Amino acid sequence: MWLAALGASGALAQTPAPDLAVLREIMAQAAQHPEQLDFLRREAERLQVCFAKIDPQARETLQRQAQQMSGQVRALCTEGLRAEAQTLAIEGARTLLATPAARELQQCGDTLPQLLTALPLLAATRANGANVCDLDF
C-alpha cells in the first residue's frame, strides 16, 4: 500500500477512508479555528493545481509500477523471503522515486506522506533491524 499510494487523480489512493468520527472531530476543530480551515482550503487548491500540471499518463504508469512492485514484495513476504523482499522494496522505492512523475509529485508538497516517506521508512527498517514484511502495506 505504501508504494501504491498514487491514484489516477494524483491523490492518495488505496488509503483507507477516514473514520466518520475522525472527520467530525476535524470539522469541529476547524470550526473553532477558522484560520486552519482557510489554510486547509488553500492547500487543497494548491495541490489540485499542482496535480493538474502532472501528466495523467505518467501518474498512471507510476501507480501501476508501484502496485506491481508492492505485489512482488508481498509475494516474497508470503514465501518467507524477507531479505529479498526488503531488498526489492528499498531498490524499487529508489527507482520509483527517481522517476520524473514522482519528482513532480514530490514538488507538489509534503501532503503525500506515504509516497514521500517510503524510502526513509524502508531505510529505517534496515537501521533498526525491522523488515518490510513487518510493515502494513
C-alpha atoms as a PDB file:
ATOM      1  CA  MET A   1       0.000   0.000   0.000  1.00  0.00           C
ATOM      2  CA  TRP A   2       2.819   2.433   0.778  1.00  0.00           C
ATOM      3  CA  LEU A   3       4.073   2.164  -2.778  1.00  0.00           C
ATOM      4  CA  ALA A   4       0.648   2.155  -4.384  1.00  0.00           C
ATOM      5  CA  ALA A   5      -0.195   5.477  -2.848  1.00  0.00           C
ATOM      6  CA  LEU A   6      -0.944   7.369  -6.037  1.00  0.00           C
ATOM      7  CA  GLY A   7      -4.389   7.305  -7.505  1.00  0.00           C
ATOM      8  CA  ALA A   8      -5.412   8.256 -11.008  1.00  0.00           C
ATOM      9  CA  SER A   9      -6.145  11.754  -9.728  1.00  0.00           C
ATOM     10  CA  GLY A  10      -2.700  12.037  -8.195  1.00  0.00           C
ATOM     11  CA  ALA A  11      -4.184  11.914  -4.741  1.00  0.00           C
ATOM     12  CA  LEU A  12      -3.665   9.172  -2.251  1.00  0.00           C
ATOM     13  CA  ALA A  13      -5.464   6.036  -3.317  1.00  0.00           C
ATOM     14  CA  GLN A  14      -5.919   2.744  -1.574  1.00  0.00           C
ATOM     15  CA  THR A  15      -5.580   4.619   1.694  1.00  0.00           C
ATOM     16  CA  PRO A  16      -8.472   3.734   3.972  1.00  0.00           C
ATOM     17  CA  ALA A  17     -11.130   6.417   4.134  1.00  0.00           C
ATOM     18  CA  PRO A  18     -11.037   8.393   7.361  1.00  0.00           C
ATOM     19  CA  ASP A  19     -13.435   7.272  10.037  1.00  0.00           C
ATOM     20  CA  LEU A  20     -16.588   9.407  10.181  1.00  0.00           C
ATOM     21  CA  ALA A  21     -15.885  10.228  13.825  1.00  0.00           C
ATOM     22  CA  VAL A  22     -12.421  11.462  12.869  1.00  0.00           C
ATOM     23  CA  LEU A  23     -13.915  13.679  10.164  1.00  0.00           C
ATOM     24  CA  ARG A  24     -16.406  15.101  12.658  1.00  0.00           C
ATOM     25  CA  GLU A  25     -13.569  15.857  15.068  1.00  0.00           C
ATOM     26  CA  ILE A  26     -11.577  17.581  12.330  1.00  0.00           C
ATOM     27  CA  MET A  27     -14.595  19.676  11.356  1.00  0.00           C
ATOM     28  CA  ALA A  28     -15.268  20.575  14.996  1.00  0.00           C
ATOM     29  CA  GLN A  29     -11.676  21.709  15.449  1.00  0.00           C
ATOM     30  CA  ALA A  30     -11.779  23.616  12.168  1.00  0.00           C
ATOM     31  CA  ALA A  31     -14.929  25.427  13.273  1.00  0.00           C
ATOM     32  CA  GLN A  32     -13.074  26.587  16.383  1.00  0.00           C
ATOM     33  CA  HIS A  33     -10.066  27.684  14.321  1.00  0.00           C
ATOM     34  CA  PRO A  34     -11.257  29.243  11.043  1.00  0.00           C
ATOM     35  CA  GLU A  35      -7.687  30.159  10.067  1.00  0.00           C
ATOM     36  CA  GLN A  36      -6.836  26.438   9.982  1.00  0.00           C
ATOM     37  CA  LEU A  37      -9.833  25.734   7.780  1.00  0.00           C
ATOM     38  CA  ASP A  38      -8.745  28.519   5.425  1.00  0.00           C
ATOM     39  CA  PHE A  39      -5.231  27.080   5.344  1.00  0.00           C
ATOM     40  CA  LEU A  40      -6.595  23.615   4.528  1.00  0.00           C
ATOM     41  CA  ARG A  41      -8.707  25.033   1.710  1.00  0.00           C
ATOM     42  CA  ARG A  42      -5.782  26.966   0.231  1.00  0.00           C
ATOM     43  CA  GLU A  43      -3.510  23.935   0.493  1.00  0.00           C
ATOM     44  CA  ALA A  44      -6.107  21.698  -1.184  1.00  0.00           C
ATOM     45  CA  GLU A  45      -6.475  24.194  -4.034  1.00  0.00           C
ATOM     46  CA  ARG A  46      -2.700  24.479  -4.410  1.00  0.00           C
ATOM     47  CA  LEU A  47      -2.379  20.702  -4.580  1.00  0.00           C
ATOM     48  CA  GLN A  48      -5.154  20.457  -7.171  1.00  0.00           C
ATOM     49  CA  VAL A  49      -3.370  22.962  -9.393  1.00  0.00           C
ATOM     50  CA  CYS A  50      -0.050  21.197  -8.912  1.00  0.00           C
ATOM     51  CA  PHE A  51      -1.504  17.746  -9.659  1.00  0.00           C
ATOM     52  CA  ALA A  52      -3.255  19.075 -12.754  1.00  0.00           C
ATOM     53  CA  LYS A  53       0.143  20.006 -14.202  1.00  0.00           C
ATOM     54  CA  ILE A  54       1.417  16.419 -13.982  1.00  0.00           C
ATOM     55  CA  ASP A  55       0.867  14.193 -16.992  1.00  0.00           C
ATOM     56  CA  PRO A  56      -2.025  11.841 -16.108  1.00  0.00           C
ATOM     57  CA  GLN A  57      -0.486   9.025 -18.125  1.00  0.00           C
ATOM     58  CA  ALA A  58       2.780   9.366 -16.182  1.00  0.00           C
ATOM     59  CA  ARG A  59       0.855   9.240 -12.878  1.00  0.00           C
ATOM     60  CA  GLU A  60      -0.991   6.122 -14.004  1.00  0.00           C
ATOM     61  CA  THR A  61       2.257   4.480 -15.103  1.00  0.00           C
ATOM     62  CA  LEU A  62       3.829   5.274 -11.738  1.00  0.00           C
ATOM     63  CA  GLN A  63       0.792   3.868  -9.948  1.00  0.00           C
ATOM     64  CA  ARG A  64       0.896   0.641 -11.980  1.00  0.00           C
ATOM     65  CA  GLN A  65       4.610   0.203 -11.351  1.00  0.00           C
ATOM     66  CA  ALA A  66       4.153   0.813  -7.632  1.00  0.00           C
ATOM     67  CA  GLN A  67       1.267  -1.646  -7.419  1.00  0.00           C
ATOM     68  CA  GLN A  68       3.238  -4.272  -9.325  1.00  0.00           C
ATOM     69  CA  MET A  69       6.254  -3.893  -7.081  1.00  0.00           C
ATOM     70  CA  SER A  70       4.091  -3.891  -3.967  1.00  0.00           C
ATOM     71  CA  GLY A  71       2.572  -7.184  -5.115  1.00  0.00           C
ATOM     72  CA  GLN A  72       6.026  -8.640  -5.711  1.00  0.00           C
ATOM     73  CA  VAL A  73       7.156  -7.575  -2.234  1.00  0.00           C
ATOM     74  CA  ARG A  74       4.010  -9.078  -0.676  1.00  0.00           C
ATOM     75  CA  ALA A  75       4.603 -12.332  -2.560  1.00  0.00           C
ATOM     76  CA  LEU A  76       8.185 -12.538  -1.321  1.00  0.00           C
ATOM     77  CA  CYS A  77       6.996 -11.871   2.238  1.00  0.00           C
ATOM     78  CA  THR A  78       4.364 -14.597   1.911  1.00  0.00           C
ATOM     79  CA  GLU A  79       7.031 -17.022   0.704  1.00  0.00           C
ATOM     80  CA  GLY A  80       9.168 -16.180   3.735  1.00  0.00           C
ATOM     81  CA  LEU A  81      11.823 -14.467   1.618  1.00  0.00           C
ATOM     82  CA  ARG A  82      12.140 -11.485   3.931  1.00  0.00           C
ATOM     83  CA  ALA A  83      15.638 -10.375   2.909  1.00  0.00           C
ATOM     84  CA  GLU A  84      14.706 -10.466  -0.765  1.00  0.00           C
ATOM     85  CA  ALA A  85      11.500  -8.537  -0.051  1.00  0.00           C
ATOM     86  CA  GLN A  86      13.466  -5.925   1.878  1.00  0.00           C
ATOM     87  CA  THR A  87      15.987  -5.500  -0.940  1.00  0.00           C
ATOM     88  CA  LEU A  88      13.287  -5.283  -3.603  1.00  0.00           C
ATOM     89  CA  ALA A  89      11.321  -2.735  -1.570  1.00  0.00           C
ATOM     90  CA  ILE A  90      14.316  -0.470  -0.992  1.00  0.00           C
ATOM     91  CA  GLU A  91      15.654  -0.649  -4.528  1.00  0.00           C
ATOM     92  CA  GLY A  92      12.177  -0.416  -6.023  1.00  0.00           C
ATOM     93  CA  ALA A  93      11.297   2.630  -3.935  1.00  0.00           C
ATOM     94  CA  ARG A  94      14.519   4.329  -5.018  1.00  0.00           C
ATOM     95  CA  THR A  95      13.739   3.570  -8.648  1.00  0.00           C
ATOM     96  CA  LEU A  96      10.138   4.773  -8.427  1.00  0.00           C
ATOM     97  CA  LEU A  97      11.026   7.924  -6.516  1.00  0.00           C
ATOM     98  CA  ALA A  98      13.616   8.798  -9.170  1.00  0.00           C
ATOM     99  CA  THR A  99      11.022   8.925 -11.962  1.00  0.00           C
ATOM    100  CA  PRO A 100      10.032  12.325 -13.343  1.00  0.00           C
ATOM    101  CA  ALA A 101       6.401  11.824 -12.260  1.00  0.00           C
ATOM    102  CA  ALA A 102       7.431  11.046  -8.674  1.00  0.00           C
ATOM    103  CA  ARG A 103       9.757  14.060  -8.588  1.00  0.00           C
ATOM    104  CA  GLU A 104       6.918  16.273  -9.826  1.00  0.00           C
ATOM    105  CA  LEU A 105       4.600  14.870  -7.178  1.00  0.00           C
ATOM    106  CA  GLN A 106       7.237  15.497  -4.523  1.00  0.00           C
ATOM    107  CA  GLN A 107       7.400  19.110  -5.645  1.00  0.00           C
ATOM    108  CA  CYS A 108       3.669  19.448  -5.025  1.00  0.00           C
ATOM    109  CA  GLY A 109       4.349  19.363  -1.320  1.00  0.00           C
ATOM    110  CA  ASP A 110       4.658  17.172   1.665  1.00  0.00           C
ATOM    111  CA  THR A 111       0.996  16.206   1.786  1.00  0.00           C
ATOM    112  CA  LEU A 112       1.767  12.864   0.170  1.00  0.00           C
ATOM    113  CA  PRO A 113       3.445  11.313   3.179  1.00  0.00           C
ATOM    114  CA  GLN A 114       3.057   7.694   2.094  1.00  0.00           C
ATOM    115  CA  LEU A 115       4.951   8.279  -1.107  1.00  0.00           C
ATOM    116  CA  LEU A 116       7.461  10.756   0.210  1.00  0.00           C
ATOM    117  CA  THR A 117       8.393   8.756   3.292  1.00  0.00           C
ATOM    118  CA  ALA A 118       8.539   5.342   1.653  1.00  0.00           C
ATOM    119  CA  LEU A 119      12.288   5.404   1.143  1.00  0.00           C
ATOM    120  CA  PRO A 120      13.238   6.820   4.588  1.00  0.00           C
ATOM    121  CA  LEU A 121      10.825   4.358   6.221  1.00  0.00           C
ATOM    122  CA  LEU A 122      12.490   1.474   4.448  1.00  0.00           C
ATOM    123  CA  ALA A 123      15.930   2.779   5.374  1.00  0.00           C
ATOM    124  CA  ALA A 124      14.792   2.982   8.990  1.00  0.00           C
ATOM    125  CA  THR A 125      13.685  -0.646   8.891  1.00  0.00           C
ATOM    126  CA  ARG A 126      17.216  -1.570   7.891  1.00  0.00           C
ATOM    127  CA  ALA A 127      18.719   0.566  10.680  1.00  0.00           C
ATOM    128  CA  ASN A 128      16.549  -0.842  13.460  1.00  0.00           C
ATOM    129  CA  GLY A 129      16.534  -4.422  12.219  1.00  0.00           C
ATOM    130  CA  ALA A 130      12.890  -4.361  11.135  1.00  0.00           C
ATOM    131  CA  ASN A 131      11.803  -5.739   7.790  1.00  0.00           C
ATOM    132  CA  VAL A 132       9.419  -4.504   5.111  1.00  0.00           C
ATOM    133  CA  CYS A 133       7.373  -7.650   5.699  1.00  0.00           C
ATOM    134  CA  ASP A 134       6.544  -6.282   9.165  1.00  0.00           C
ATOM    135  CA  LEU A 135       5.007  -3.111   7.709  1.00  0.00           C
ATOM    136  CA  ASP A 136       1.317  -2.703   6.976  1.00  0.00           C
ATOM    137  CA  PHE A 137       1.215  -2.138   3.217  1.00  0.00           C
END
